[in-house]
Amino acid sequence: MILILAGFVFFYTLVFELPATPFFWESDHLIFAYEGWRMYLGDTMYRDFFQFTFPGSQLWYALMFTIFGAKHWIINATIVGIATILLFLTLRLSKAVIDGPFAYLPPLLFAFFGFRWFGIDGSHRMFSPIFILLAVMVILRNRDRVNLLLSGALCGVTSFFTQQRGFFAVLAVALFLLVEGIAEKRRPLDIGKDIFTAGTSSAAALVLLCLYFVIAAGPGVFWESAFVYPANWYGYSKYNNIEVFSLVLGRAYDFTNLSGAFAFVMHLIYSFGIPLVYPVFLGAFLFRINREKWNEWKPVFLIGLVGFATTYSNVAPDSFRIFQVSIPALILTGFLVSKIAVARRFDLWLTTAAAAFLLLLSLYLGYRMQTNWDMTYWETPSGRLAVFPLEQIERYTYVLENTDPGDEFFEVYEPYIYFPFGLRNPTRFGQIWETEYTRPEHVEEVVRDLERSMPKLMLWDVGYNRPDDRRAPGDHLGPLAEFVNENYEPVGKVYQVADRRIQVWRLKDDD
């Protein structure tokens, strides 16, 4: 209980300025909160706004806004809640497979050695591991037919948040059931029934959860959005394919102080260390299984299979996405350490030392988060927000000061500011990028919507202003750039945001 409470306090200090002002964190959770807000206002996902993920995260935020109102603190409270639940599940699962003090290592590492850099995210990628861990815990508790049904259903819920993770999780469960059946000399028919039970319950749960959205948006629109588009075009963004691995590491390497150097080390650990845990575990498993009981290794073998499947199925394996599914690897690490004879002799001392170091580190990080910044404050329709005083935040401050809640406004690259400022996107699209990720028909639709609404302000990527003969293959943004340059003019400076050059543009002759 002390560990869970310490974790909760630490998570809280990372996302709220004490006592209760939410920090404004630019991250993907703003996309899903924005889409949940659109649902809260009456839009239908897929039909009224484009999205290719399944609707779990958006539905969560829509429900929370319905209960509590459209307030920004809900995002930050969601991050704290997700992290605390994951910490609790990690501790429970660790204790189920690791004897002695080393059972505390995995939850300590998850909460206090990675979360600050990679876990402040309230999107689907942090929701789905909750259900993966629950699916594993259900089988470990009792592998009867009812629990197989429940475990499979939880994998279906996982997919309701992150499509491929639930699919690969249930495949890992099926492989475990096959290996277990062979090892325990069960009848092939019984093995097949178990696999069928888990697989069909997973599919049934996902179908039931998505059914409303299939009917509301139409089967054709749902199929094109959630299956055809991600299969064909999702990977064309450099953030959604293997390129992001070196991209994120390169940015982390460009550090200028001790804090940045430490963060770079964390990126290295999660980029390379976590994926390497699985082949190391497999080698230990194959080496030791002939000399030790299968039942002792069986639970952790299941954890390893699920962790391997969800880690290596990442199509964009950067440090952040690897961290999100790192808990199985952390548990395997604790288990393997507990098997080392020398380590067992000093298990209490080693665990105490690790806990002291990590808790002191978290105390420093939490204190630094609360005191190191001369925060800017926004009074917004979603509540008062504490904003880190970075130069690029000025673009948002200008928008806040020159719009009213309910105004139509267009943010071309990421839909980060619509929900906090209560602004309406006049188009169906929240992300417009210069690759095949944004289809030509998407661009045509955006131009038509902007011609109809003519919002007085937009946030524009000036890198999109290039002649057609200088556009790379797959860049379909010519008609949109032409429309913007004909009807809008720049305001103020260009802000460097990651690899984008963002500027406020206003409608010409707008008084």
Protein backbone atom coordinates (compact mmCIF):
# COMPACT_ATOMS: atom_id res chain seq x y z
CA MET A 1 0.00 0.00 0.00
CA ILE A 2 2.88 2.41 0.78
CA LEU A 3 4.37 1.78 -2.67
CA ILE A 4 1.03 2.42 -4.39
CA LEU A 5 0.49 5.61 -2.39
CA ALA A 6 4.02 6.83 -3.17
CA GLY A 7 3.44 6.12 -6.84
CA PHE A 8 0.13 7.99 -6.81
CA VAL A 9 1.73 11.06 -5.21
CA PHE A 10 4.62 10.97 -7.69
CA PHE A 11 2.30 10.67 -10.69
CA TYR A 12 0.15 13.50 -9.35
CA THR A 13 3.10 15.89 -9.01
CA LEU A 14 4.04 15.28 -12.64
CA VAL A 15 0.68 16.38 -14.05
CA PHE A 16 -0.76 18.82 -11.49
CA GLU A 17 0.78 21.94 -10.06
CA LEU A 18 -0.04 21.76 -6.38
CA PRO A 19 -2.64 21.87 -5.14
CA ALA A 20 -4.77 21.09 -8.22
CA THR A 21 -3.92 23.08 -11.37
CA PRO A 22 -3.37 20.74 -14.34
CA PHE A 23 -0.18 21.10 -16.34
CA PHE A 24 -0.68 21.46 -20.09
CA TRP A 25 1.24 18.56 -21.63
CA GLU A 26 1.42 18.51 -25.44
CA SER A 27 0.96 14.84 -26.21
CA ASP A 28 -1.30 12.42 -28.06
CA HIS A 29 -3.86 12.37 -25.25
CA LEU A 30 -4.97 15.80 -26.49
CA ILE A 31 -5.99 14.16 -29.77
CA PHE A 32 -8.24 11.64 -28.05
CA ALA A 33 -9.65 14.17 -25.60
CA TYR A 34 -10.48 16.42 -28.56
CA GLU A 35 -12.27 13.57 -30.33
CA GLY A 36 -14.05 12.57 -27.12
CA TRP A 37 -15.15 16.19 -26.81
CA ARG A 38 -16.55 16.09 -30.34
CA MET A 39 -18.51 12.99 -29.36
CA TYR A 40 -19.67 14.76 -26.19
CA LEU A 41 -20.94 17.61 -28.42
CA GLY A 42 -22.89 15.15 -30.57
CA ASP A 43 -20.54 14.11 -33.38
CA THR A 44 -20.30 10.49 -34.45
CA MET A 45 -16.82 9.02 -34.64
CA TYR A 46 -15.68 7.98 -38.14
CA ARG A 47 -18.67 9.69 -39.79
CA ASP A 48 -18.29 13.27 -38.48
CA PHE A 49 -14.55 13.19 -37.89
CA PHE A 50 -11.86 10.95 -39.30
CA GLN A 51 -10.03 8.46 -37.11
CA PHE A 52 -8.50 5.04 -37.70
CA THR A 53 -8.05 3.77 -34.12
CA PHE A 54 -10.83 1.93 -32.36
CA PRO A 55 -12.91 4.21 -30.13
CA GLY A 56 -11.96 3.14 -26.59
CA SER A 57 -10.04 6.27 -25.53
CA GLN A 58 -12.45 8.67 -27.21
CA LEU A 59 -15.41 6.97 -25.53
CA TRP A 60 -13.71 7.25 -22.13
CA TYR A 61 -13.25 11.00 -22.48
CA ALA A 62 -16.76 11.49 -23.87
CA LEU A 63 -18.18 9.69 -20.82
CA MET A 64 -16.02 11.67 -18.40
CA PHE A 65 -17.04 14.97 -20.02
CA THR A 66 -20.67 13.93 -19.80
CA ILE A 67 -20.30 13.27 -16.06
CA PHE A 68 -17.96 16.10 -15.01
CA GLY A 69 -18.14 18.62 -17.84
CA ALA A 70 -15.54 19.38 -20.51
CA LYS A 71 -12.65 20.08 -18.11
CA HIS A 72 -8.95 19.65 -18.78
CA TRP A 73 -8.23 18.16 -15.35
CA ILE A 74 -9.97 14.99 -16.56
CA ILE A 75 -7.04 14.29 -18.91
CA ASN A 76 -4.48 14.68 -16.12
CA ALA A 77 -6.56 12.69 -13.64
CA THR A 78 -6.83 9.94 -16.27
CA ILE A 79 -3.02 9.81 -16.52
CA VAL A 80 -2.72 9.49 -12.74
CA GLY A 81 -5.44 6.82 -12.63
CA ILE A 82 -3.94 4.75 -15.45
CA ALA A 83 -0.46 4.89 -13.91
CA THR A 84 -1.70 3.95 -10.43
CA ILE A 85 -3.72 1.01 -11.75
CA LEU A 86 -0.75 -0.22 -13.79
CA LEU A 87 1.49 0.08 -10.74
CA PHE A 88 -0.97 -1.96 -8.67
CA LEU A 89 -1.31 -4.65 -11.35
CA THR A 90 2.46 -4.83 -11.80
CA LEU A 91 2.91 -5.39 -8.07
CA ARG A 92 0.20 -8.08 -7.96
CA LEU A 93 1.57 -9.89 -10.99
CA SER A 94 5.14 -9.67 -9.72
CA LYS A 95 4.19 -11.16 -6.38
CA ALA A 96 2.40 -13.97 -8.19
CA VAL A 97 5.58 -15.14 -9.95
CA ILE A 98 8.53 -13.80 -7.90
CA ASP A 99 9.32 -14.91 -4.37
CA GLY A 100 10.82 -12.51 -1.86
CA PRO A 101 11.80 -8.83 -2.03
CA PHE A 102 12.68 -8.92 -5.73
CA ALA A 103 8.94 -8.87 -6.43
CA TYR A 104 9.08 -5.14 -5.70
CA LEU A 105 11.66 -4.39 -8.40
CA PRO A 106 9.30 -4.38 -11.43
CA PRO A 107 6.75 -1.91 -9.98
CA LEU A 108 9.57 0.29 -8.67
CA LEU A 109 11.20 0.39 -12.11
CA PHE A 110 7.92 1.07 -13.89
CA ALA A 111 6.86 3.95 -11.65
CA PHE A 112 10.14 5.62 -10.78
CA PHE A 113 12.53 4.68 -13.58
CA GLY A 114 10.83 5.56 -16.82
CA PHE A 115 7.40 6.98 -16.24
CA ARG A 116 8.55 10.60 -15.95
CA TRP A 117 9.99 10.48 -19.48
CA PHE A 118 7.71 8.05 -21.30
CA GLY A 119 4.48 7.56 -19.37
CA ILE A 120 2.79 10.98 -19.20
CA ASP A 121 0.18 10.02 -21.76
CA GLY A 122 -3.55 9.54 -21.42
CA SER A 123 -4.07 8.01 -24.86
CA HIS A 124 -5.08 4.51 -25.94
CA ARG A 125 -1.48 3.31 -25.73
CA MET A 126 -1.50 3.60 -21.94
CA PHE A 127 -5.04 2.28 -21.49
CA SER A 128 -4.52 -1.00 -23.34
CA PRO A 129 -1.75 -2.46 -21.09
CA ILE A 130 -4.24 -2.46 -18.20
CA PHE A 131 -6.38 -5.05 -19.95
CA ILE A 132 -3.38 -7.05 -21.15
CA LEU A 133 -2.19 -7.47 -17.55
CA LEU A 134 -5.69 -8.33 -16.38
CA ALA A 135 -5.98 -10.98 -19.10
CA VAL A 136 -2.75 -12.58 -17.85
CA MET A 137 -3.79 -12.39 -14.20
CA VAL A 138 -7.11 -14.09 -14.91
CA ILE A 139 -5.41 -17.11 -16.49
CA LEU A 140 -2.82 -17.33 -13.73
CA ARG A 141 -5.55 -17.29 -11.10
CA ASN A 142 -7.38 -20.29 -12.52
CA ARG A 143 -7.21 -21.65 -16.05
CA ASP A 144 -10.75 -22.97 -16.33
CA ARG A 145 -13.23 -22.34 -19.13
CA VAL A 146 -14.80 -19.28 -17.47
CA ASN A 147 -11.44 -17.62 -16.93
CA LEU A 148 -10.39 -18.37 -20.49
CA LEU A 149 -13.57 -16.64 -21.64
CA LEU A 150 -12.80 -13.67 -19.42
CA SER A 151 -9.15 -13.51 -20.47
CA GLY A 152 -10.09 -13.57 -24.15
CA ALA A 153 -12.70 -10.87 -23.58
CA LEU A 154 -10.08 -8.69 -21.91
CA CYS A 155 -7.88 -9.08 -24.98
CA GLY A 156 -10.88 -7.89 -27.00
CA VAL A 157 -11.17 -4.85 -24.73
CA THR A 158 -7.44 -4.26 -25.31
CA SER A 159 -8.12 -4.05 -29.05
CA PHE A 160 -10.99 -1.63 -28.38
CA PHE A 161 -8.25 0.78 -27.30
CA THR A 162 -5.24 -0.34 -29.40
CA GLN A 163 -6.18 -2.58 -32.33
CA GLN A 164 -3.09 -4.71 -32.81
CA ARG A 165 -2.17 -5.15 -29.15
CA GLY A 166 -5.29 -7.13 -28.32
CA PHE A 167 -4.85 -9.25 -31.42
CA PHE A 168 -1.25 -10.13 -30.59
CA ALA A 169 -2.07 -10.61 -26.91
CA VAL A 170 -4.71 -13.24 -27.69
CA LEU A 171 -2.29 -14.91 -30.12
CA ALA A 172 0.24 -15.10 -27.29
CA VAL A 173 -2.40 -16.60 -24.99
CA ALA A 174 -3.26 -19.16 -27.67
CA LEU A 175 0.41 -20.11 -28.07
CA PHE A 176 0.74 -20.46 -24.31
CA LEU A 177 -2.28 -22.78 -24.20
CA LEU A 178 -0.74 -24.88 -26.97
CA VAL A 179 2.66 -25.15 -25.25
CA GLU A 180 1.02 -25.82 -21.90
CA GLY A 181 -1.16 -28.54 -23.38
CA ILE A 182 1.80 -30.25 -25.00
CA ALA A 183 3.93 -29.98 -21.85
CA GLU A 184 1.16 -31.39 -19.68
CA LYS A 185 0.15 -34.06 -22.24
CA ARG A 186 -3.43 -32.84 -22.59
CA ARG A 187 -5.69 -34.12 -25.35
CA PRO A 188 -5.43 -32.16 -28.63
CA LEU A 189 -9.20 -31.70 -28.62
CA ASP A 190 -9.10 -30.07 -25.17
CA ILE A 191 -6.24 -27.80 -26.23
CA GLY A 192 -8.22 -26.77 -29.30
CA LYS A 193 -11.30 -26.02 -27.20
CA ASP A 194 -9.30 -23.79 -24.89
CA ILE A 195 -7.77 -21.85 -27.77
CA PHE A 196 -11.16 -21.54 -29.46
CA THR A 197 -12.71 -20.26 -26.24
CA ALA A 198 -10.13 -17.51 -25.76
CA GLY A 199 -10.15 -16.49 -29.43
CA THR A 200 -13.90 -16.37 -29.90
CA SER A 201 -14.51 -14.48 -26.66
CA SER A 202 -11.92 -11.90 -27.72
CA ALA A 203 -13.58 -11.41 -31.09
CA ALA A 204 -17.07 -11.32 -29.56
CA ALA A 205 -16.09 -8.69 -26.97
CA LEU A 206 -14.54 -6.47 -29.65
CA VAL A 207 -17.54 -6.81 -31.95
CA LEU A 208 -19.98 -5.93 -29.17
CA LEU A 209 -17.94 -2.91 -28.11
CA CYS A 210 -17.66 -1.60 -31.68
CA LEU A 211 -21.21 -2.42 -32.76
CA TYR A 212 -22.70 0.98 -31.94
CA PHE A 213 -20.00 2.77 -33.94
CA VAL A 214 -20.41 0.39 -36.88
CA ILE A 215 -24.15 1.13 -36.99
CA ALA A 216 -23.86 4.87 -36.30
CA ALA A 217 -21.14 5.56 -38.86
CA GLY A 218 -22.14 2.84 -41.31
CA PRO A 219 -20.31 -0.46 -41.91
CA GLY A 220 -18.55 0.84 -45.02
CA VAL A 221 -17.19 3.97 -43.36
CA PHE A 222 -16.14 2.00 -40.27
CA TRP A 223 -14.34 -0.63 -42.36
CA GLU A 224 -12.54 1.93 -44.50
CA SER A 225 -11.49 3.99 -41.49
CA ALA A 226 -10.49 1.30 -38.98
CA PHE A 227 -9.08 -1.36 -41.32
CA VAL A 228 -8.40 -0.22 -44.89
CA TYR A 229 -6.78 3.12 -44.06
CA PRO A 230 -4.34 1.90 -41.36
CA ALA A 231 -3.40 -1.14 -43.44
CA ASN A 232 -2.55 0.99 -46.48
CA TRP A 233 -1.50 4.44 -45.31
CA TYR A 234 -0.76 4.60 -41.56
CA GLY A 235 2.90 3.66 -41.95
CA TYR A 236 3.68 6.49 -44.36
CA SER A 237 4.20 8.85 -41.44
CA LYS A 238 7.76 8.67 -40.13
CA TYR A 239 6.27 8.65 -36.63
CA ASN A 240 4.38 5.44 -37.43
CA ASN A 241 7.13 3.21 -38.80
CA ILE A 242 10.59 1.95 -37.92
CA GLU A 243 12.12 5.34 -38.79
CA VAL A 244 10.81 6.77 -35.52
CA PHE A 245 13.27 4.57 -33.57
CA SER A 246 16.33 6.49 -34.77
CA LEU A 247 14.39 9.77 -34.94
CA VAL A 248 13.55 9.73 -31.22
CA LEU A 249 17.02 8.56 -30.23
CA GLY A 250 18.56 11.29 -32.35
CA ARG A 251 16.51 13.97 -30.65
CA ALA A 252 17.36 12.57 -27.21
CA TYR A 253 21.06 12.51 -28.11
CA ASP A 254 20.96 16.23 -28.85
CA PHE A 255 21.12 17.08 -25.14
CA THR A 256 22.74 20.18 -23.65
CA ASN A 257 22.71 19.55 -19.89
CA LEU A 258 22.93 16.81 -17.25
CA SER A 259 19.18 16.29 -17.18
CA GLY A 260 19.17 15.75 -20.94
CA ALA A 261 22.06 13.30 -20.65
CA PHE A 262 20.15 11.29 -18.06
CA ALA A 263 17.07 11.29 -20.30
CA PHE A 264 19.21 10.01 -23.18
CA VAL A 265 20.38 7.11 -21.00
CA MET A 266 16.73 6.31 -20.27
CA HIS A 267 15.99 6.27 -24.00
CA LEU A 268 18.86 3.83 -24.55
CA ILE A 269 17.66 1.54 -21.75
CA TYR A 270 14.10 1.35 -23.03
CA SER A 271 15.01 1.29 -26.72
CA PHE A 272 17.49 -1.59 -26.42
CA GLY A 273 17.26 -3.10 -22.94
CA ILE A 274 13.57 -3.97 -22.86
CA PRO A 275 13.50 -5.79 -26.24
CA LEU A 276 16.64 -7.74 -25.24
CA VAL A 277 14.98 -9.10 -22.10
CA TYR A 278 12.94 -11.59 -24.12
CA PRO A 279 15.77 -13.48 -25.88
CA VAL A 280 17.67 -13.54 -22.56
CA PHE A 281 14.63 -14.98 -20.83
CA LEU A 282 14.14 -17.56 -23.59
CA GLY A 283 17.75 -18.71 -23.20
CA ALA A 284 17.34 -19.01 -19.43
CA PHE A 285 14.05 -20.85 -19.86
CA LEU A 286 15.49 -23.40 -22.28
CA PHE A 287 18.56 -23.88 -20.08
CA ARG A 288 16.73 -24.30 -16.79
CA ILE A 289 13.46 -25.99 -17.76
CA ASN A 290 14.99 -29.47 -17.85
CA ARG A 291 16.23 -29.10 -14.28
CA GLU A 292 13.30 -27.27 -12.71
CA LYS A 293 9.57 -27.79 -12.59
CA TRP A 294 7.43 -26.61 -15.50
CA ASN A 295 4.84 -25.29 -13.05
CA GLU A 296 7.41 -22.91 -11.57
CA TRP A 297 8.19 -21.38 -14.97
CA LYS A 298 4.73 -21.64 -16.53
CA PRO A 299 3.28 -18.36 -15.17
CA VAL A 300 6.31 -16.31 -16.14
CA PHE A 301 6.42 -18.06 -19.53
CA LEU A 302 2.92 -16.71 -20.19
CA ILE A 303 4.00 -13.22 -19.16
CA GLY A 304 7.02 -13.50 -21.46
CA LEU A 305 4.94 -14.59 -24.45
CA VAL A 306 2.46 -11.75 -24.02
CA GLY A 307 5.24 -9.21 -23.48
CA PHE A 308 7.19 -10.45 -26.50
CA ALA A 309 4.10 -10.31 -28.72
CA THR A 310 3.07 -6.80 -27.70
CA THR A 311 6.64 -5.43 -27.81
CA TYR A 312 7.77 -6.89 -31.11
CA SER A 313 4.47 -6.15 -32.86
CA ASN A 314 5.17 -2.41 -32.46
CA VAL A 315 5.30 -1.02 -35.99
CA ALA A 316 6.79 2.22 -34.60
CA PRO A 317 9.10 1.02 -31.82
CA ASP A 318 10.31 4.22 -30.19
CA SER A 319 11.16 4.55 -26.49
CA PHE A 320 7.66 5.73 -25.64
CA ARG A 321 5.78 2.85 -27.24
CA ILE A 322 8.25 0.31 -25.85
CA PHE A 323 7.82 1.72 -22.35
CA GLN A 324 4.04 1.41 -22.62
CA VAL A 325 4.29 -2.38 -22.96
CA SER A 326 7.44 -2.82 -20.85
CA ILE A 327 5.82 -4.22 -17.69
CA PRO A 328 6.12 -7.90 -18.74
CA ALA A 329 9.83 -7.36 -19.48
CA LEU A 330 10.31 -5.69 -16.08
CA ILE A 331 8.65 -8.68 -14.39
CA LEU A 332 10.87 -11.09 -16.34
CA THR A 333 13.88 -9.07 -15.21
CA GLY A 334 12.87 -9.36 -11.57
CA PHE A 335 12.23 -13.08 -11.99
CA LEU A 336 15.62 -13.72 -13.62
CA VAL A 337 17.43 -11.72 -10.94
CA SER A 338 15.67 -13.77 -8.28
CA LYS A 339 17.14 -16.91 -9.89
CA ILE A 340 20.73 -15.74 -9.38
CA ALA A 341 22.12 -17.36 -6.25
CA VAL A 342 24.37 -14.45 -5.30
CA ALA A 343 21.54 -11.97 -5.72
CA ARG A 344 19.24 -14.07 -3.53
CA ARG A 345 21.75 -13.85 -0.66
CA PHE A 346 21.41 -10.06 -0.66
CA ASP A 347 17.84 -9.74 -1.95
CA LEU A 348 16.61 -7.51 0.86
CA TRP A 349 19.65 -5.24 0.73
CA LEU A 350 19.57 -4.95 -3.06
CA THR A 351 15.83 -4.25 -3.16
CA THR A 352 16.07 -1.72 -0.34
CA ALA A 353 18.95 0.08 -2.06
CA ALA A 354 17.07 0.15 -5.38
CA ALA A 355 13.90 1.41 -3.68
CA ALA A 356 15.79 4.13 -1.81
CA PHE A 357 17.55 5.34 -4.98
CA LEU A 358 14.40 5.32 -7.10
CA LEU A 359 12.22 6.95 -4.45
CA LEU A 360 14.83 9.68 -3.91
CA LEU A 361 15.00 10.17 -7.68
CA SER A 362 11.22 10.51 -7.86
CA LEU A 363 11.23 12.95 -4.95
CA TYR A 364 13.77 15.08 -6.82
CA LEU A 365 11.83 14.86 -10.09
CA GLY A 366 8.53 15.74 -8.42
CA TYR A 367 10.09 18.66 -6.52
CA ARG A 368 11.79 19.90 -9.70
CA MET A 369 8.52 19.71 -11.61
CA GLN A 370 6.81 21.83 -8.96
CA THR A 371 9.53 24.45 -8.43
CA ASN A 372 11.81 24.67 -11.48
CA TRP A 373 9.45 26.58 -13.75
CA ASP A 374 8.07 30.11 -13.75
CA MET A 375 4.77 28.89 -15.14
CA THR A 376 2.45 30.73 -17.50
CA TYR A 377 -1.26 30.41 -16.73
CA TRP A 378 -4.14 30.19 -19.15
CA GLU A 379 -7.76 30.81 -18.18
CA THR A 380 -9.59 28.60 -20.66
CA PRO A 381 -13.08 27.18 -21.13
CA SER A 382 -11.66 23.86 -19.89
CA GLY A 383 -10.30 25.43 -16.71
CA ARG A 384 -7.14 27.09 -15.47
CA LEU A 385 -3.99 25.50 -16.91
CA ALA A 386 -0.34 25.76 -15.85
CA VAL A 387 1.83 26.04 -18.97
CA PHE A 388 5.58 25.53 -19.23
CA PRO A 389 7.16 28.84 -20.35
CA LEU A 390 8.55 27.69 -23.69
CA GLU A 391 8.78 30.09 -26.61
CA GLN A 392 6.67 27.94 -28.91
CA ILE A 393 3.76 28.14 -26.45
CA GLU A 394 3.34 31.78 -27.55
CA ARG A 395 1.47 30.58 -30.64
CA TYR A 396 -1.24 29.09 -28.43
CA THR A 397 -1.37 32.17 -26.20
CA TYR A 398 -2.05 34.33 -29.26
CA VAL A 399 -4.88 32.02 -30.32
CA LEU A 400 -6.40 32.06 -26.84
CA GLU A 401 -6.31 35.87 -26.70
CA ASN A 402 -7.82 36.31 -30.16
CA THR A 403 -10.63 33.74 -30.22
CA ASP A 404 -13.81 33.08 -28.29
CA PRO A 405 -15.14 29.66 -27.22
CA GLY A 406 -17.14 28.14 -30.03
CA ASP A 407 -15.19 29.90 -32.79
CA GLU A 408 -14.14 27.88 -35.80
CA PHE A 409 -10.38 27.53 -36.03
CA PHE A 410 -7.99 25.26 -37.93
CA GLU A 411 -4.85 23.59 -36.57
CA VAL A 412 -3.20 21.86 -39.48
CA TYR A 413 -0.69 19.42 -37.97
CA GLU A 414 -2.11 18.13 -34.62
CA PRO A 415 -5.51 18.76 -32.96
CA TYR A 416 -4.01 19.86 -29.65
CA ILE A 417 -5.74 23.13 -28.87
CA TYR A 418 -9.37 22.72 -29.94
CA PHE A 419 -10.58 21.12 -26.71
CA PRO A 420 -8.67 23.26 -24.17
CA PHE A 421 -9.80 26.51 -25.83
CA GLY A 422 -13.29 25.31 -26.79
CA LEU A 423 -12.67 25.89 -30.52
CA ARG A 424 -14.40 24.02 -33.33
CA ASN A 425 -12.54 22.31 -36.15
CA PRO A 426 -14.59 23.02 -39.30
CA THR A 427 -13.18 19.89 -41.00
CA ARG A 428 -13.31 16.16 -40.34
CA PHE A 429 -9.52 15.92 -40.09
CA GLY A 430 -7.22 16.63 -37.17
CA GLN A 431 -3.87 15.75 -38.75
CA ILE A 432 -2.72 16.95 -42.16
CA TRP A 433 0.78 15.79 -43.08
CA GLU A 434 2.87 15.97 -46.24
CA THR A 435 2.95 12.22 -46.97
CA GLU A 436 0.58 9.51 -48.18
CA TYR A 437 -0.69 9.51 -44.58
CA THR A 438 -2.94 12.36 -45.78
CA ARG A 439 -4.81 11.18 -48.84
CA PRO A 440 -5.65 13.51 -51.75
CA GLU A 441 -9.37 13.08 -51.08
CA HIS A 442 -8.75 14.21 -47.50
CA VAL A 443 -7.09 17.39 -48.78
CA GLU A 444 -9.98 18.08 -51.16
CA GLU A 445 -12.49 17.68 -48.34
CA VAL A 446 -10.50 19.95 -46.00
CA VAL A 447 -10.33 22.68 -48.66
CA ARG A 448 -14.09 22.48 -49.24
CA ASP A 449 -14.79 22.73 -45.51
CA LEU A 450 -12.44 25.68 -45.06
CA GLU A 451 -13.96 27.46 -48.06
CA ARG A 452 -17.35 27.10 -46.40
CA SER A 453 -16.32 28.21 -42.91
CA MET A 454 -13.36 30.58 -43.51
CA PRO A 455 -12.12 30.56 -39.89
CA LYS A 456 -10.43 33.82 -38.95
CA LEU A 457 -7.31 32.10 -37.52
CA MET A 458 -5.33 28.96 -38.14
CA LEU A 459 -2.04 27.40 -37.06
CA TRP A 460 -0.18 26.64 -40.25
CA ASP A 461 3.01 24.70 -41.00
CA VAL A 462 4.97 27.04 -43.28
CA GLY A 463 6.96 24.05 -44.52
CA TYR A 464 3.84 23.17 -46.53
CA ASN A 465 4.34 26.33 -48.63
CA ARG A 466 6.38 24.93 -51.48
CA PRO A 467 5.88 24.79 -55.27
CA ASP A 468 4.32 21.64 -56.63
CA ASP A 469 7.52 20.74 -58.48
CA ARG A 470 9.36 20.64 -55.15
CA ARG A 471 6.89 18.38 -53.40
CA ALA A 472 8.00 14.86 -52.56
CA PRO A 473 6.08 11.88 -53.92
CA GLY A 474 2.99 11.39 -51.78
CA ASP A 475 2.73 15.06 -50.78
CA HIS A 476 -0.83 16.01 -51.79
CA LEU A 477 -1.01 19.34 -49.96
CA GLY A 478 -0.69 21.65 -52.98
CA PRO A 479 -4.40 22.61 -53.17
CA LEU A 480 -4.54 23.28 -49.41
CA ALA A 481 -1.39 25.44 -49.46
CA GLU A 482 -2.75 27.35 -52.44
CA PHE A 483 -6.02 28.02 -50.61
CA VAL A 484 -4.25 29.17 -47.46
CA ASN A 485 -1.85 31.51 -49.27
CA GLU A 486 -4.67 33.06 -51.29
CA ASN A 487 -6.90 33.73 -48.30
CA TYR A 488 -4.65 34.02 -45.22
CA GLU A 489 -1.57 35.95 -44.15
CA PRO A 490 1.05 35.23 -41.47
CA VAL A 491 1.01 36.80 -38.01
CA GLY A 492 4.20 37.10 -35.98
CA LYS A 493 7.13 34.74 -35.80
CA VAL A 494 7.62 31.16 -36.96
CA TYR A 495 8.00 28.71 -34.07
CA GLN A 496 10.14 25.61 -34.35
CA VAL A 497 8.06 22.72 -32.95
CA ALA A 498 10.07 19.49 -33.24
CA ASP A 499 10.74 19.31 -36.99
CA ARG A 500 7.87 21.63 -37.93
CA ARG A 501 7.80 25.40 -38.47
CA ILE A 502 4.50 26.62 -37.12
CA GLN A 503 3.02 30.09 -37.49
CA VAL A 504 -0.30 31.78 -36.77
CA TRP A 505 -2.09 32.85 -39.95
CA ARG A 506 -5.16 35.06 -40.08
CA LEU A 507 -7.86 35.65 -42.67
CA LYS A 508 -6.93 38.50 -44.97
CA ASP A 509 -8.83 41.76 -44.46
CA ASP A 510 -10.23 40.38 -41.21
CA ASP A 511 -10.97 43.22 -38.79
